[in-house]
PDB file of N, CA and C in Angstrom:
ATOM      1  N   MET A   1      14.563 -14.031   3.737  1.00  0.00           N
ATOM      2  CA  MET A   1      15.336 -12.849   3.886  1.00  0.00           C
ATOM      3  C   MET A   1      14.320 -11.819   4.638  1.00  0.00           C
ATOM      4  N   CYS A   2      15.036 -11.075   5.778  1.00  0.00           N
ATOM      5  CA  CYS A   2      14.026 -10.231   6.709  1.00  0.00           C
ATOM      6  C   CYS A   2      14.961  -8.808   6.585  1.00  0.00           C
ATOM      7  N   ARG A   3      14.106  -7.902   6.551  1.00  0.00           N
ATOM      8  CA  ARG A   3      14.761  -6.677   6.771  1.00  0.00           C
ATOM      9  C   ARG A   3      13.559  -5.955   7.898  1.00  0.00           C
ATOM     10  N   TYR A   4      14.255  -5.077   8.382  1.00  0.00           N
ATOM     11  CA  TYR A   4      13.314  -3.950   9.398  1.00  0.00           C
ATOM     12  C   TYR A   4      12.988  -2.881   8.759  1.00  0.00           C
ATOM     13  N   ALA A   5      11.987  -2.444   9.108  1.00  0.00           N
ATOM     14  CA  ALA A   5      11.723  -1.246   8.262  1.00  0.00           C
ATOM     15  C   ALA A   5      12.026   0.097   9.006  1.00  0.00           C
ATOM     16  N   SER A   6      12.462   1.028   8.468  1.00  0.00           N
ATOM     17  CA  SER A   6      13.115   2.001   9.037  1.00  0.00           C
ATOM     18  C   SER A   6      12.260   3.154   9.458  1.00  0.00           C
ATOM     19  N   ASN A   7      11.041   2.798   8.670  1.00  0.00           N
ATOM     20  CA  ASN A   7      10.063   3.919   8.765  1.00  0.00           C
ATOM     21  C   ASN A   7       8.589   3.227   8.490  1.00  0.00           C
ATOM     22  N   LEU A   8       7.192   3.953   9.084  1.00  0.00           N
ATOM     23  CA  LEU A   8       6.231   3.131   8.862  1.00  0.00           C
ATOM     24  C   LEU A   8       5.541   2.954   7.567  1.00  0.00           C
ATOM     25  N   LEU A   9       6.325   3.637   6.576  1.00  0.00           N
ATOM     26  CA  LEU A   9       5.644   3.257   4.986  1.00  0.00           C
ATOM     27  C   LEU A   9       6.272   2.246   4.485  1.00  0.00           C
ATOM     28  N   GLN A  10       7.119   1.651   5.038  1.00  0.00           N
ATOM     29  CA  GLN A  10       8.046   0.543   4.295  1.00  0.00           C
ATOM     30  C   GLN A  10       7.314  -0.552   4.558  1.00  0.00           C
ATOM     31  N   THR A  11       7.332  -1.848   4.024  1.00  0.00           N
ATOM     32  CA  THR A  11       6.762  -3.163   4.219  1.00  0.00           C
ATOM     33  C   THR A  11       7.740  -4.113   3.780  1.00  0.00           C
ATOM     34  N   GLU A  12       7.532  -5.264   4.293  1.00  0.00           N
ATOM     35  CA  GLU A  12       8.211  -6.426   4.230  1.00  0.00           C
ATOM     36  C   GLU A  12       7.410  -7.880   4.381  1.00  0.00           C
ATOM     37  N   GLU A  13       7.333  -8.278   3.213  1.00  0.00           N
ATOM     38  CA  GLU A  13       6.388  -9.796   3.342  1.00  0.00           C
ATOM     39  C   GLU A  13       7.762 -11.043   3.488  1.00  0.00           C
ATOM     40  N   THR A  14       7.158 -11.668   4.502  1.00  0.00           N
ATOM     41  CA  THR A  14       8.025 -13.052   4.795  1.00  0.00           C
ATOM     42  C   THR A  14       7.370 -14.230   4.319  1.00  0.00           C
ATOM     43  N   SER A  15       8.008 -14.996   3.607  1.00  0.00           N
ATOM     44  CA  SER A  15       7.572 -16.328   3.088  1.00  0.00           C
ATOM     45  C   SER A  15       7.818 -17.308   4.157  1.00  0.00           C
ATOM     46  N   MET A  16       6.840 -18.050   4.617  1.00  0.00           N
ATOM     47  CA  MET A  16       6.763 -19.171   5.513  1.00  0.00           C
ATOM     48  C   MET A  16       7.220 -20.226   5.011  1.00  0.00           C
ATOM     49  N   LYS A  17       8.343 -20.993   5.528  1.00  0.00           N
ATOM     50  CA  LYS A  17       8.729 -22.286   4.789  1.00  0.00           C
ATOM     51  C   LYS A  17       7.632 -23.314   4.843  1.00  0.00           C
ATOM     52  N   GLY A  18       7.402 -24.030   3.652  1.00  0.00           N
ATOM     53  CA  GLY A  18       6.580 -24.847   3.379  1.00  0.00           C
ATOM     54  C   GLY A  18       5.654 -24.610   3.200  1.00  0.00           C
ATOM     55  N   ILE A  19       4.761 -23.091   3.310  1.00  0.00           N
ATOM     56  CA  ILE A  19       3.491 -22.741   2.834  1.00  0.00           C
ATOM     57  C   ILE A  19       3.833 -21.643   1.918  1.00  0.00           C
ATOM     58  N   ASP A  20       3.000 -21.625   1.052  1.00  0.00           N
ATOM     59  CA  ASP A  20       3.326 -20.126   0.043  1.00  0.00           C
ATOM     60  C   ASP A  20       2.421 -19.402   0.512  1.00  0.00           C
ATOM     61  N   LEU A  21       2.739 -18.788   1.334  1.00  0.00           N
ATOM     62  CA  LEU A  21       2.118 -17.474   2.056  1.00  0.00           C
ATOM     63  C   LEU A  21       2.876 -16.583   2.155  1.00  0.00           C
ATOM     64  N   ASN A  22       2.381 -15.050   2.054  1.00  0.00           N
ATOM     65  CA  ASN A  22       2.981 -14.105   2.245  1.00  0.00           C
ATOM     66  C   ASN A  22       2.396 -13.314   3.306  1.00  0.00           C
ATOM     67  N   ILE A  23       3.112 -13.204   4.747  1.00  0.00           N
ATOM     68  CA  ILE A  23       2.183 -12.554   5.406  1.00  0.00           C
ATOM     69  C   ILE A  23       3.203 -11.287   5.736  1.00  0.00           C
ATOM     70  N   PRO A  24       2.581 -10.114   6.049  1.00  0.00           N
ATOM     71  CA  PRO A  24       3.364  -8.733   6.510  1.00  0.00           C
ATOM     72  C   PRO A  24       3.398  -8.829   7.749  1.00  0.00           C
ATOM     73  N   ARG A  25       4.827  -8.519   8.300  1.00  0.00           N
ATOM     74  CA  ARG A  25       5.347  -8.314   9.423  1.00  0.00           C
ATOM     75  C   ARG A  25       4.770  -7.333  10.252  1.00  0.00           C
ATOM     76  N   ARG A  26       4.775  -8.019  11.618  1.00  0.00           N
ATOM     77  CA  ARG A  26       3.763  -6.930  12.527  1.00  0.00           C
ATOM     78  C   ARG A  26       4.608  -5.571  12.510  1.00  0.00           C
ATOM     79  N   GLY A  27       3.537  -4.719  12.603  1.00  0.00           N
ATOM     80  CA  GLY A  27       3.955  -3.335  12.648  1.00  0.00           C
ATOM     81  C   GLY A  27       4.373  -2.557  11.298  1.00  0.00           C
ATOM     82  N   MET A  28       4.317  -3.047  10.322  1.00  0.00           N
ATOM     83  CA  MET A  28       4.571  -2.568   8.815  1.00  0.00           C
ATOM     84  C   MET A  28       3.359  -2.338   7.896  1.00  0.00           C
ATOM     85  N   VAL A  29       3.312  -1.604   7.180  1.00  0.00           N
ATOM     86  CA  VAL A  29       2.152  -1.341   6.448  1.00  0.00           C
ATOM     87  C   VAL A  29       2.192  -1.830   5.172  1.00  0.00           C
ATOM     88  N   LEU A  30       1.108  -2.243   4.980  1.00  0.00           N
ATOM     89  CA  LEU A  30       0.817  -2.821   3.364  1.00  0.00           C
ATOM     90  C   LEU A  30       0.722  -1.949   2.612  1.00  0.00           C
ATOM     91  N   SER A  31       1.070  -2.616   1.345  1.00  0.00           N
ATOM     92  CA  SER A  31       1.157  -1.789  -0.122  1.00  0.00           C
ATOM     93  C   SER A  31       0.118  -0.936  -0.311  1.00  0.00           C
ATOM     94  N   GLU A  32      -1.240  -1.302   0.135  1.00  0.00           N
ATOM     95  CA  GLU A  32      -2.360  -0.821  -0.450  1.00  0.00           C
ATOM     96  C   GLU A  32      -2.679   0.446   0.442  1.00  0.00           C
ATOM     97  N   ALA A  33      -2.065   0.498   1.840  1.00  0.00           N
ATOM     98  CA  ALA A  33      -2.279   1.546   2.568  1.00  0.00           C
ATOM     99  C   ALA A  33      -1.269   2.563   2.021  1.00  0.00           C
ATOM    100  N   LYS A  34       0.113   2.275   1.572  1.00  0.00           N
ATOM    101  CA  LYS A  34       1.052   3.313   1.079  1.00  0.00           C
ATOM    102  C   LYS A  34       0.372   3.949  -0.028  1.00  0.00           C
ATOM    103  N   ILE A  35      -0.435   3.040  -0.961  1.00  0.00           N
ATOM    104  CA  ILE A  35      -0.835   3.912  -2.491  1.00  0.00           C
ATOM    105  C   ILE A  35      -1.815   5.024  -1.856  1.00  0.00           C
ATOM    106  N   ASN A  36      -2.614   4.542  -0.796  1.00  0.00           N
ATOM    107  CA  ASN A  36      -3.732   5.293  -0.287  1.00  0.00           C
ATOM    108  C   ASN A  36      -3.088   6.672   0.433  1.00  0.00           C
ATOM    109  N   PHE A  37      -2.306   6.490   0.802  1.00  0.00           N
ATOM    110  CA  PHE A  37      -1.259   7.501   1.473  1.00  0.00           C
ATOM    111  C   PHE A  37      -0.552   8.484   0.689  1.00  0.00           C
ATOM    112  N   PHE A  38      -0.189   8.230  -0.324  1.00  0.00           N
ATOM    113  CA  PHE A  38       0.752   8.965  -1.329  1.00  0.00           C
ATOM    114  C   PHE A  38      -0.508   9.536  -2.398  1.00  0.00           C
ATOM    115  N   LEU A  39      -1.647   8.922  -2.411  1.00  0.00           N
ATOM    116  CA  LEU A  39      -2.522   9.309  -3.269  1.00  0.00           C
ATOM    117  C   LEU A  39      -3.498  10.427  -2.692  1.00  0.00           C
ATOM    118  N   SER A  40      -3.688  10.439  -1.333  1.00  0.00           N
ATOM    119  CA  SER A  40      -4.204  11.553  -0.670  1.00  0.00           C
ATOM    120  C   SER A  40      -3.234  13.036  -0.388  1.00  0.00           C
ATOM    121  N   LYS A  41      -1.868  12.547  -0.215  1.00  0.00           N
ATOM    122  CA  LYS A  41      -0.923  13.638  -0.270  1.00  0.00           C
ATOM    123  C   LYS A  41      -0.761  14.229  -1.352  1.00  0.00           C
ATOM    124  N   LEU A  42      -0.615  13.321  -2.581  1.00  0.00           N
ATOM    125  CA  LEU A  42      -0.706  14.162  -3.990  1.00  0.00           C
ATOM    126  C   LEU A  42      -2.208  14.953  -4.130  1.00  0.00           C
ATOM    127  N   TYR A  43      -3.117  14.571  -3.628  1.00  0.00           N
ATOM    128  CA  TYR A  43      -4.351  15.272  -3.800  1.00  0.00           C
ATOM    129  C   TYR A  43      -4.234  16.790  -2.925  1.00  0.00           C
ATOM    130  N   GLU A  44      -3.932  16.461  -1.331  1.00  0.00           N
ATOM    131  CA  GLU A  44      -3.476  17.557  -0.665  1.00  0.00           C
ATOM    132  C   GLU A  44      -2.900  18.534  -1.054  1.00  0.00           C
ATOM    133  N   GLU A  45      -1.521  18.330  -1.599  1.00  0.00           N
ATOM    134  CA  GLU A  45      -0.858  19.262  -2.124  1.00  0.00           C
ATOM    135  C   GLU A  45      -1.373  19.750  -3.639  1.00  0.00           C
ATOM    136  N   ASN A  46      -2.485  19.362  -4.344  1.00  0.00           N
ATOM    137  CA  ASN A  46      -2.970  19.721  -5.477  1.00  0.00           C
ATOM    138  C   ASN A  46      -1.827  19.307  -6.511  1.00  0.00           C
ATOM    139  N   LEU A  47      -1.549  18.115  -6.767  1.00  0.00           N
ATOM    140  CA  LEU A  47      -0.847  17.903  -7.706  1.00  0.00           C
ATOM    141  C   LEU A  47      -1.363  16.715  -8.623  1.00  0.00           C
ATOM    142  N   ILE A  48      -2.635  16.503  -7.900  1.00  0.00           N
ATOM    143  CA  ILE A  48      -3.564  15.690  -8.894  1.00  0.00           C
ATOM    144  C   ILE A  48      -4.886  16.399  -8.550  1.00  0.00           C
ATOM    145  N   GLY A  49      -5.563  16.349  -9.302  1.00  0.00           N
ATOM    146  CA  GLY A  49      -7.200  17.021  -9.420  1.00  0.00           C
ATOM    147  C   GLY A  49      -8.135  16.004  -8.677  1.00  0.00           C
ATOM    148  N   THR A  50      -9.249  16.319  -8.682  1.00  0.00           N
ATOM    149  CA  THR A  50     -10.195  15.852  -7.915  1.00  0.00           C
ATOM    150  C   THR A  50     -10.512  14.442  -8.852  1.00  0.00           C
ATOM    151  N   GLU A  51     -10.808  14.975 -10.079  1.00  0.00           N
ATOM    152  CA  GLU A  51     -11.483  13.850 -11.023  1.00  0.00           C
ATOM    153  C   GLU A  51     -10.278  12.543 -10.959  1.00  0.00           C
ATOM    154  N   ASP A  52      -9.262  12.920 -11.113  1.00  0.00           N
ATOM    155  CA  ASP A  52      -7.934  12.109 -10.934  1.00  0.00           C
ATOM    156  C   ASP A  52      -7.823  10.889  -9.983  1.00  0.00           C
ATOM    157  N   TYR A  53      -8.358  12.004  -8.770  1.00  0.00           N
ATOM    158  CA  TYR A  53      -8.232  11.119  -7.218  1.00  0.00           C
ATOM    159  C   TYR A  53      -9.018  10.251  -7.259  1.00  0.00           C
ATOM    160  N   VAL A  54     -10.582  10.632  -7.838  1.00  0.00           N
ATOM    161  CA  VAL A  54     -11.565   9.561  -7.554  1.00  0.00           C
ATOM    162  C   VAL A  54     -11.560   8.648  -8.627  1.00  0.00           C
ATOM    163  N   ILE A  55     -10.735   8.728  -9.868  1.00  0.00           N
ATOM    164  CA  ILE A  55     -10.594   7.401 -10.684  1.00  0.00           C
ATOM    165  C   ILE A  55      -9.769   6.772 -10.072  1.00  0.00           C
ATOM    166  N   ALA A  56      -8.555   7.260  -9.169  1.00  0.00           N
ATOM    167  CA  ALA A  56      -7.417   6.062  -8.805  1.00  0.00           C
ATOM    168  C   ALA A  56      -8.250   5.337  -7.506  1.00  0.00           C
ATOM    169  N   LYS A  57      -9.058   6.040  -6.853  1.00  0.00           N
ATOM    170  CA  LYS A  57      -9.665   5.511  -5.770  1.00  0.00           C
ATOM    171  C   LYS A  57     -10.454   4.387  -6.384  1.00  0.00           C
ATOM    172  N   LYS A  58     -11.396   4.682  -7.369  1.00  0.00           N
ATOM    173  CA  LYS A  58     -12.178   3.549  -7.812  1.00  0.00           C
ATOM    174  C   LYS A  58     -11.286   2.325  -8.401  1.00  0.00           C
ATOM    175  N   ILE A  59     -10.335   2.568  -9.251  1.00  0.00           N
ATOM    176  CA  ILE A  59      -9.393   1.449  -9.673  1.00  0.00           C
ATOM    177  C   ILE A  59      -8.999   0.847  -8.318  1.00  0.00           C
ATOM    178  N   LEU A  60      -8.301   1.430  -7.336  1.00  0.00           N
ATOM    179  CA  LEU A  60      -7.956   0.809  -6.260  1.00  0.00           C
ATOM    180  C   LEU A  60      -9.192  -0.413  -5.521  1.00  0.00           C
ATOM    181  N   ASN A  61     -10.152   0.296  -5.452  1.00  0.00           N
ATOM    182  CA  ASN A  61     -11.338  -0.319  -4.907  1.00  0.00           C
ATOM    183  C   ASN A  61     -11.866  -1.644  -5.630  1.00  0.00           C
ATOM    184  N   GLU A  62     -11.567  -1.300  -7.149  1.00  0.00           N
ATOM    185  CA  GLU A  62     -12.006  -2.633  -8.107  1.00  0.00           C
ATOM    186  C   GLU A  62     -10.693  -3.439  -7.893  1.00  0.00           C
ATOM    187  N   LYS A  63      -9.486  -3.226  -7.689  1.00  0.00           N
ATOM    188  CA  LYS A  63      -8.509  -3.949  -7.594  1.00  0.00           C
ATOM    189  C   LYS A  63      -8.423  -4.812  -6.194  1.00  0.00           C
ATOM    190  N   ARG A  64      -9.137  -4.398  -5.590  1.00  0.00           N
ATOM    191  CA  ARG A  64      -9.047  -5.168  -3.916  1.00  0.00           C
ATOM    192  C   ARG A  64     -10.150  -6.049  -3.937  1.00  0.00           C
ATOM    193  N   ARG A  65     -11.411  -5.834  -4.808  1.00  0.00           N
ATOM    194  CA  ARG A  65     -12.115  -6.787  -5.146  1.00  0.00           C
ATOM    195  C   ARG A  65     -11.742  -7.983  -5.809  1.00  0.00           C
ATOM    196  N   THR A  66     -10.737  -8.054  -6.605  1.00  0.00           N
ATOM    197  CA  THR A  66     -10.605  -9.209  -7.482  1.00  0.00           C
ATOM    198  C   THR A  66      -9.264  -9.944  -6.841  1.00  0.00           C
TER     199      THR A  66
END
């Protein structure tokens, strides 16, 4: 099933037949980038504090390593 993103913040992963891999389609943003984008926007708009921002970034970095 393929969908085309209407904006840059949408992502779609397509499974390859016979191979158990999910590969992001060209020109689309990974979910990790979406999380970073929204986290920075929340921080810029003062909806989250510095401590919350730092904690969230640390959690993302730990998750990325595993």
